Amino acid sequence: MDPKDLDLIEELAPHNPELAALWREHLELEARLERLAGRRYLTPQEELEVKRLKKIKLAGRDRIEAILAEHRRGQDGK
């Protein structure tokens, strides 16, 4: 994620519970995916879990991006 986005998330999260929850979930999913990626071999169930986690992470990231875009549009109008 872009450093500017990370700074904006840091700024907005304390005031936006949805963004804060999405960001926490994003970090947790990233950690789980890293643990699975560190394994030498994945079972078929683990491979499915990786795909599932990636889909959830992507959906969350899309929502985070939408929140940031809404904020930026609001800033442009000020």
N, C-alpha and C. Protein backbone atom coordinates (compact mmCIF):
# COMPACT_ATOMS: atom_id res chain seq x y z
N MET A 1 0.85 -1.18 0.00
CA MET A 1 0.00 0.00 0.00
C MET A 1 0.89 1.24 0.00
N ASP A 2 0.43 2.25 -0.68
CA ASP A 2 1.16 3.51 -0.83
C ASP A 2 1.40 4.16 0.54
N PRO A 3 2.60 4.70 0.77
CA PRO A 3 2.88 5.36 2.06
C PRO A 3 1.88 6.48 2.39
N LYS A 4 1.41 7.20 1.37
CA LYS A 4 0.41 8.25 1.63
C LYS A 4 -0.89 7.63 2.14
N ASP A 5 -1.27 6.47 1.58
CA ASP A 5 -2.47 5.78 2.04
C ASP A 5 -2.29 5.32 3.49
N LEU A 6 -1.11 4.80 3.80
CA LEU A 6 -0.85 4.34 5.17
C LEU A 6 -0.95 5.51 6.16
N ASP A 7 -0.40 6.65 5.78
CA ASP A 7 -0.49 7.84 6.64
C ASP A 7 -1.93 8.26 6.83
N LEU A 8 -2.72 8.22 5.75
CA LEU A 8 -4.12 8.61 5.83
C LEU A 8 -4.92 7.63 6.68
N ILE A 9 -4.64 6.34 6.55
CA ILE A 9 -5.30 5.34 7.39
C ILE A 9 -5.00 5.62 8.85
N GLU A 10 -3.74 5.88 9.14
CA GLU A 10 -3.32 6.18 10.51
C GLU A 10 -4.06 7.40 11.07
N GLU A 11 -4.26 8.39 10.21
CA GLU A 11 -4.93 9.62 10.61
C GLU A 11 -6.43 9.41 10.82
N LEU A 12 -7.05 8.65 9.93
CA LEU A 12 -8.51 8.51 9.95
C LEU A 12 -9.03 7.40 10.87
N ALA A 13 -8.25 6.35 11.05
CA ALA A 13 -8.72 5.18 11.79
C ALA A 13 -9.27 5.50 13.19
N PRO A 14 -8.62 6.39 13.96
CA PRO A 14 -9.17 6.67 15.29
C PRO A 14 -10.58 7.31 15.26
N HIS A 15 -10.94 7.88 14.12
CA HIS A 15 -12.22 8.57 14.00
C HIS A 15 -13.22 7.79 13.15
N ASN A 16 -12.78 6.68 12.57
CA ASN A 16 -13.63 5.90 11.68
C ASN A 16 -13.54 4.43 12.09
N PRO A 17 -14.53 3.96 12.89
CA PRO A 17 -14.47 2.58 13.38
C PRO A 17 -14.45 1.53 12.26
N GLU A 18 -15.16 1.79 11.17
CA GLU A 18 -15.16 0.82 10.07
C GLU A 18 -13.75 0.69 9.48
N LEU A 19 -13.11 1.81 9.23
CA LEU A 19 -11.76 1.80 8.69
C LEU A 19 -10.80 1.12 9.65
N ALA A 20 -10.92 1.42 10.93
CA ALA A 20 -10.04 0.81 11.93
C ALA A 20 -10.20 -0.71 11.93
N ALA A 21 -11.45 -1.18 11.88
CA ALA A 21 -11.70 -2.62 11.88
C ALA A 21 -11.19 -3.27 10.61
N LEU A 22 -11.41 -2.62 9.48
CA LEU A 22 -10.91 -3.15 8.21
C LEU A 22 -9.39 -3.23 8.19
N TRP A 23 -8.74 -2.23 8.73
CA TRP A 23 -7.27 -2.22 8.74
C TRP A 23 -6.72 -3.32 9.65
N ARG A 24 -7.35 -3.48 10.83
CA ARG A 24 -6.92 -4.57 11.73
C ARG A 24 -7.08 -5.92 11.04
N GLU A 25 -8.23 -6.11 10.39
CA GLU A 25 -8.48 -7.37 9.69
C GLU A 25 -7.44 -7.57 8.57
N HIS A 26 -7.14 -6.51 7.84
CA HIS A 26 -6.15 -6.58 6.76
C HIS A 26 -4.80 -7.06 7.30
N LEU A 27 -4.37 -6.49 8.41
CA LEU A 27 -3.09 -6.87 9.00
C LEU A 27 -3.11 -8.31 9.50
N GLU A 28 -4.23 -8.73 10.10
CA GLU A 28 -4.35 -10.10 10.59
C GLU A 28 -4.31 -11.10 9.43
N LEU A 29 -5.04 -10.78 8.36
CA LEU A 29 -5.05 -11.66 7.19
C LEU A 29 -3.66 -11.75 6.57
N GLU A 30 -2.99 -10.61 6.50
CA GLU A 30 -1.63 -10.60 5.96
C GLU A 30 -0.70 -11.50 6.78
N ALA A 31 -0.81 -11.43 8.08
CA ALA A 31 0.02 -12.27 8.95
C ALA A 31 -0.29 -13.75 8.75
N ARG A 32 -1.59 -14.09 8.64
CA ARG A 32 -1.96 -15.48 8.43
C ARG A 32 -1.44 -15.99 7.08
N LEU A 33 -1.55 -15.15 6.06
CA LEU A 33 -1.06 -15.54 4.74
C LEU A 33 0.46 -15.71 4.74
N GLU A 34 1.15 -14.86 5.45
CA GLU A 34 2.61 -14.99 5.54
C GLU A 34 3.01 -16.28 6.23
N ARG A 35 2.28 -16.65 7.29
CA ARG A 35 2.57 -17.91 7.98
C ARG A 35 2.37 -19.10 7.04
N LEU A 36 1.29 -19.06 6.27
CA LEU A 36 1.03 -20.16 5.35
C LEU A 36 2.07 -20.18 4.22
N ALA A 37 2.46 -19.01 3.75
CA ALA A 37 3.46 -18.93 2.68
C ALA A 37 4.81 -19.45 3.14
N GLY A 38 5.07 -19.39 4.43
CA GLY A 38 6.34 -19.85 4.96
C GLY A 38 6.45 -21.35 5.07
N ARG A 39 5.36 -22.04 4.84
CA ARG A 39 5.41 -23.50 4.91
C ARG A 39 5.99 -24.08 3.63
N ARG A 40 6.66 -25.17 3.80
CA ARG A 40 7.27 -25.83 2.66
C ARG A 40 6.21 -26.48 1.76
N TYR A 41 5.17 -26.98 2.38
CA TYR A 41 4.13 -27.70 1.64
C TYR A 41 2.78 -27.33 2.24
N LEU A 42 1.80 -27.11 1.36
CA LEU A 42 0.44 -26.83 1.82
C LEU A 42 -0.47 -27.99 1.43
N THR A 43 -1.31 -28.37 2.37
CA THR A 43 -2.31 -29.39 2.06
C THR A 43 -3.36 -28.75 1.14
N PRO A 44 -4.15 -29.57 0.48
CA PRO A 44 -5.22 -29.00 -0.36
C PRO A 44 -6.16 -28.09 0.44
N GLN A 45 -6.41 -28.44 1.69
CA GLN A 45 -7.26 -27.59 2.54
C GLN A 45 -6.58 -26.25 2.81
N GLU A 46 -5.28 -26.28 3.05
CA GLU A 46 -4.54 -25.05 3.28
C GLU A 46 -4.49 -24.18 2.03
N GLU A 47 -4.38 -24.81 0.87
CA GLU A 47 -4.40 -24.06 -0.38
C GLU A 47 -5.73 -23.35 -0.57
N LEU A 48 -6.82 -24.04 -0.24
CA LEU A 48 -8.15 -23.42 -0.30
C LEU A 48 -8.26 -22.27 0.70
N GLU A 49 -7.68 -22.47 1.87
CA GLU A 49 -7.69 -21.42 2.89
C GLU A 49 -6.94 -20.18 2.41
N VAL A 50 -5.82 -20.38 1.74
CA VAL A 50 -5.05 -19.26 1.20
C VAL A 50 -5.92 -18.49 0.20
N LYS A 51 -6.59 -19.18 -0.69
CA LYS A 51 -7.45 -18.53 -1.67
C LYS A 51 -8.57 -17.75 -0.98
N ARG A 52 -9.18 -18.37 0.04
CA ARG A 52 -10.27 -17.73 0.77
C ARG A 52 -9.78 -16.47 1.47
N LEU A 53 -8.63 -16.57 2.14
CA LEU A 53 -8.08 -15.42 2.85
C LEU A 53 -7.73 -14.28 1.89
N LYS A 54 -7.19 -14.63 0.73
CA LYS A 54 -6.84 -13.60 -0.26
C LYS A 54 -8.09 -12.87 -0.76
N LYS A 55 -9.17 -13.60 -0.96
CA LYS A 55 -10.42 -12.97 -1.40
C LYS A 55 -10.96 -12.01 -0.34
N ILE A 56 -10.92 -12.44 0.91
CA ILE A 56 -11.39 -11.59 2.00
C ILE A 56 -10.51 -10.35 2.11
N LYS A 57 -9.21 -10.56 2.02
CA LYS A 57 -8.27 -9.45 2.12
C LYS A 57 -8.48 -8.45 0.99
N LEU A 58 -8.69 -8.95 -0.23
CA LEU A 58 -8.93 -8.07 -1.37
C LEU A 58 -10.22 -7.27 -1.21
N ALA A 59 -11.27 -7.91 -0.75
CA ALA A 59 -12.54 -7.21 -0.53
C ALA A 59 -12.36 -6.11 0.52
N GLY A 60 -11.64 -6.42 1.58
CA GLY A 60 -11.38 -5.42 2.62
C GLY A 60 -10.54 -4.27 2.10
N ARG A 61 -9.56 -4.60 1.31
CA ARG A 61 -8.70 -3.55 0.75
C ARG A 61 -9.49 -2.64 -0.20
N ASP A 62 -10.39 -3.25 -0.97
CA ASP A 62 -11.24 -2.46 -1.85
C ASP A 62 -12.09 -1.48 -1.04
N ARG A 63 -12.62 -1.94 0.08
CA ARG A 63 -13.44 -1.06 0.93
C ARG A 63 -12.57 0.03 1.56
N ILE A 64 -11.37 -0.32 2.00
CA ILE A 64 -10.45 0.68 2.55
C ILE A 64 -10.16 1.75 1.49
N GLU A 65 -9.87 1.32 0.28
CA GLU A 65 -9.60 2.26 -0.80
C GLU A 65 -10.81 3.17 -1.06
N ALA A 66 -12.01 2.61 -0.97
CA ALA A 66 -13.22 3.41 -1.17
C ALA A 66 -13.38 4.45 -0.07
N ILE A 67 -13.09 4.08 1.17
CA ILE A 67 -13.18 5.02 2.28
C ILE A 67 -12.17 6.15 2.09
N LEU A 68 -10.95 5.79 1.70
CA LEU A 68 -9.92 6.81 1.47
C LEU A 68 -10.32 7.73 0.32
N ALA A 69 -10.89 7.17 -0.74
CA ALA A 69 -11.31 7.98 -1.88
C ALA A 69 -12.44 8.93 -1.47
N GLU A 70 -13.39 8.44 -0.65
CA GLU A 70 -14.47 9.30 -0.16
C GLU A 70 -13.90 10.46 0.65
N HIS A 71 -12.94 10.15 1.49
CA HIS A 71 -12.31 11.20 2.30
C HIS A 71 -11.62 12.23 1.40
N ARG A 72 -10.89 11.75 0.42
CA ARG A 72 -10.18 12.67 -0.47
C ARG A 72 -11.15 13.55 -1.26
N ARG A 73 -12.27 12.97 -1.72
CA ARG A 73 -13.27 13.77 -2.43
C ARG A 73 -13.84 14.83 -1.51
N GLY A 74 -14.06 14.48 -0.25
CA GLY A 74 -14.57 15.44 0.72
C GLY A 74 -13.57 16.55 0.97
N GLN A 75 -12.28 16.22 0.96
CA GLN A 75 -11.23 17.23 1.17
C GLN A 75 -11.14 18.19 -0.02
N ASP A 76 -11.37 17.64 -1.23
CA ASP A 76 -11.30 18.48 -2.42
C ASP A 76 -12.42 19.50 -2.45
N GLY A 77 -13.55 19.14 -1.84
CA GLY A 77 -14.70 20.04 -1.84
C GLY A 77 -14.62 21.13 -0.80
N LYS A 78 -13.63 21.04 0.08
CA LYS A 78 -13.52 22.03 1.16
C LYS A 78 -12.73 23.24 0.72
